[in-house]
Amino acid sequence: MEYTTEFVTDELKKLVGWGACPKRLPYLPHLRSLSGVDLEVSPVTMGYLIRLFLVEQIDSMTGTYQFAGNKIEAQIMNRAYKLLLMIEGEGWSAVNRRGRVIVLVKSYFSVEAWRRPIGPERDFLWILADHMVSSGIAQAA
């Protein structure tokens, strides 16, 4: 399956509301393919492997990133992605996680403006998706 940054971004955006819950992850085809999990394993195992892949990809981000006119250190991005995807902040609502991320990345958006289908949250997730797709292509080579 061919995956692009756009498709992976769409799947990450879905995860913000749900959180990166292992029971939902196997049903996201681009993330599943990108993570390289064996299709023969059970859906639960597949979900945990995809979640591990997400964490590894987030942790592998280094340097600084440009977002909404700000330069953001990788460690801040790491924390923000883990909050958005509910890898950290378990039990927090998507609204609370989004609000915390907006503060972390020093953006000036309301939660409503941030979460729009085509908006800052999607742009923010695109950075992670691009990193994941680039890393996936590099690993395959």
Protein backbone atom coordinates (compact mmCIF):
# COMPACT_ATOMS: atom_id res chain seq x y z
CA MET A 1 0.00 0.00 0.00
CA GLU A 2 1.27 3.41 -0.89
CA TYR A 3 1.07 5.95 1.89
CA THR A 4 1.54 9.64 1.72
CA THR A 5 1.94 12.31 4.33
CA GLU A 6 -1.62 13.43 3.58
CA PHE A 7 -3.18 10.04 4.36
CA VAL A 8 -1.11 9.55 7.49
CA THR A 9 -2.05 13.06 8.66
CA ASP A 10 -5.75 12.20 8.22
CA GLU A 11 -5.36 9.07 10.34
CA LEU A 12 -3.42 10.92 13.06
CA LYS A 13 -6.16 13.57 13.13
CA LYS A 14 -8.75 10.83 13.79
CA LEU A 15 -6.64 9.60 16.68
CA VAL A 16 -6.75 12.94 18.49
CA GLY A 17 -10.36 12.42 19.47
CA TRP A 18 -10.02 8.71 20.24
CA GLY A 19 -6.49 8.65 21.52
CA ALA A 20 -3.96 6.11 20.25
CA CYS A 21 -5.97 3.27 21.72
CA PRO A 22 -4.57 -0.13 20.64
CA LYS A 23 -8.06 -1.47 19.90
CA ARG A 24 -8.59 1.23 17.23
CA LEU A 25 -5.12 1.37 15.65
CA PRO A 26 -5.33 -1.81 13.51
CA TYR A 27 -8.18 -0.26 11.52
CA LEU A 28 -6.11 2.66 10.24
CA PRO A 29 -4.60 1.19 7.05
CA HIS A 30 -1.85 3.73 6.38
CA LEU A 31 -0.47 3.71 9.92
CA ARG A 32 -0.71 -0.07 9.98
CA SER A 33 1.19 -0.35 6.70
CA LEU A 34 3.76 2.29 7.65
CA SER A 35 4.49 0.56 10.96
CA GLY A 36 5.20 -2.69 9.13
CA VAL A 37 3.26 -4.90 11.54
CA ASP A 38 2.63 -8.50 10.54
CA LEU A 39 -0.96 -8.90 9.35
CA GLU A 40 -1.05 -12.41 10.82
CA VAL A 41 -0.97 -11.24 14.45
CA SER A 42 -4.15 -10.60 16.41
CA PRO A 43 -5.73 -7.14 16.19
CA VAL A 44 -4.86 -6.45 19.85
CA THR A 45 -1.18 -7.30 19.30
CA MET A 46 -1.23 -5.29 16.08
CA GLY A 47 -2.63 -2.30 17.96
CA TYR A 48 0.09 -2.41 20.60
CA LEU A 49 2.80 -2.73 17.93
CA ILE A 50 1.41 0.26 16.02
CA ARG A 51 1.27 2.28 19.25
CA LEU A 52 4.90 1.34 19.96
CA PHE A 53 5.78 2.47 16.43
CA LEU A 54 4.05 5.82 17.05
CA VAL A 55 5.97 6.35 20.30
CA GLU A 56 9.28 5.44 18.64
CA GLN A 57 8.60 7.84 15.77
CA ILE A 58 7.69 10.67 18.12
CA ASP A 59 10.78 10.01 20.25
CA SER A 60 13.00 9.99 17.15
CA MET A 61 12.23 13.63 16.33
CA THR A 62 15.24 15.88 16.88
CA GLY A 63 16.17 19.50 16.33
CA THR A 64 13.71 22.34 16.00
CA TYR A 65 10.53 22.60 13.96
CA GLN A 66 8.70 25.56 12.52
CA PHE A 67 5.01 25.81 13.38
CA ALA A 68 2.68 28.82 13.29
CA GLY A 69 5.60 31.21 13.08
CA ASN A 70 7.39 29.71 16.11
CA LYS A 71 10.48 27.55 16.35
CA ILE A 72 9.68 24.63 18.63
CA GLU A 73 12.24 22.28 20.15
CA ALA A 74 11.81 18.55 19.49
CA GLN A 75 11.27 17.79 23.20
CA ILE A 76 8.26 20.16 23.24
CA MET A 77 6.95 18.61 20.02
CA ASN A 78 7.42 15.16 21.57
CA ARG A 79 5.36 16.06 24.63
CA ALA A 80 2.70 17.79 22.51
CA TYR A 81 2.23 14.83 20.17
CA LYS A 82 2.03 12.41 23.06
CA LEU A 83 -0.65 14.57 24.67
CA LEU A 84 -2.65 14.99 21.45
CA LEU A 85 -2.60 11.25 20.76
CA MET A 86 -3.34 10.42 24.42
CA ILE A 87 -0.10 8.50 24.83
CA GLU A 88 0.27 10.79 27.86
CA GLY A 89 -2.60 12.55 29.61
CA GLU A 90 -4.73 9.43 29.72
CA GLY A 91 -8.17 10.19 31.06
CA TRP A 92 -8.09 13.77 29.79
CA SER A 93 -10.69 14.77 27.25
CA ALA A 94 -9.61 15.71 23.74
CA VAL A 95 -10.54 19.33 24.55
CA ASN A 96 -8.24 19.37 27.60
CA ARG A 97 -5.40 17.73 25.68
CA ARG A 98 -5.78 20.17 22.82
CA GLY A 99 -5.78 23.12 25.21
CA ARG A 100 -2.59 21.89 26.86
CA VAL A 101 -0.91 21.45 23.47
CA ILE A 102 -1.88 24.96 22.37
CA VAL A 103 -0.17 26.30 25.51
CA LEU A 104 2.90 24.06 25.02
CA VAL A 105 3.54 25.18 21.45
CA LYS A 106 2.81 28.82 22.35
CA SER A 107 0.06 29.20 19.75
CA TYR A 108 -2.72 31.72 19.90
CA PHE A 109 -5.72 29.68 18.81
CA SER A 110 -8.95 28.80 20.55
CA VAL A 111 -9.57 25.07 20.91
CA GLU A 112 -12.40 25.41 18.39
CA ALA A 113 -10.15 27.10 15.83
CA TRP A 114 -7.33 24.59 16.53
CA ARG A 115 -9.45 21.48 15.92
CA ARG A 116 -11.15 22.44 12.64
CA PRO A 117 -10.79 19.81 9.89
CA ILE A 118 -8.45 22.06 7.94
CA GLY A 119 -6.69 24.07 10.62
CA PRO A 120 -3.70 24.39 12.91
CA GLU A 121 -4.07 20.93 14.50
CA ARG A 122 -3.88 19.29 11.08
CA ASP A 123 -0.85 21.41 10.17
CA PHE A 124 0.80 20.38 13.44
CA LEU A 125 0.08 16.69 12.83
CA TRP A 126 1.40 17.02 9.27
CA ILE A 127 4.89 17.63 10.73
CA LEU A 128 4.74 14.27 12.55
CA ALA A 129 3.23 12.49 9.53
CA ASP A 130 5.98 13.84 7.28
CA HIS A 131 8.62 12.67 9.76
CA MET A 132 7.01 9.21 9.92
CA VAL A 133 6.68 8.82 6.15
CA SER A 134 10.27 10.03 5.59
CA SER A 135 11.55 7.63 8.24
CA GLY A 136 9.48 4.79 6.78
CA ILE A 137 10.89 5.38 3.31
CA ALA A 138 14.43 5.55 4.73
CA GLN A 139 13.94 2.29 6.66
CA ALA A 140 12.58 0.51 3.58
CA ALA A 141 15.60 1.51 1.49
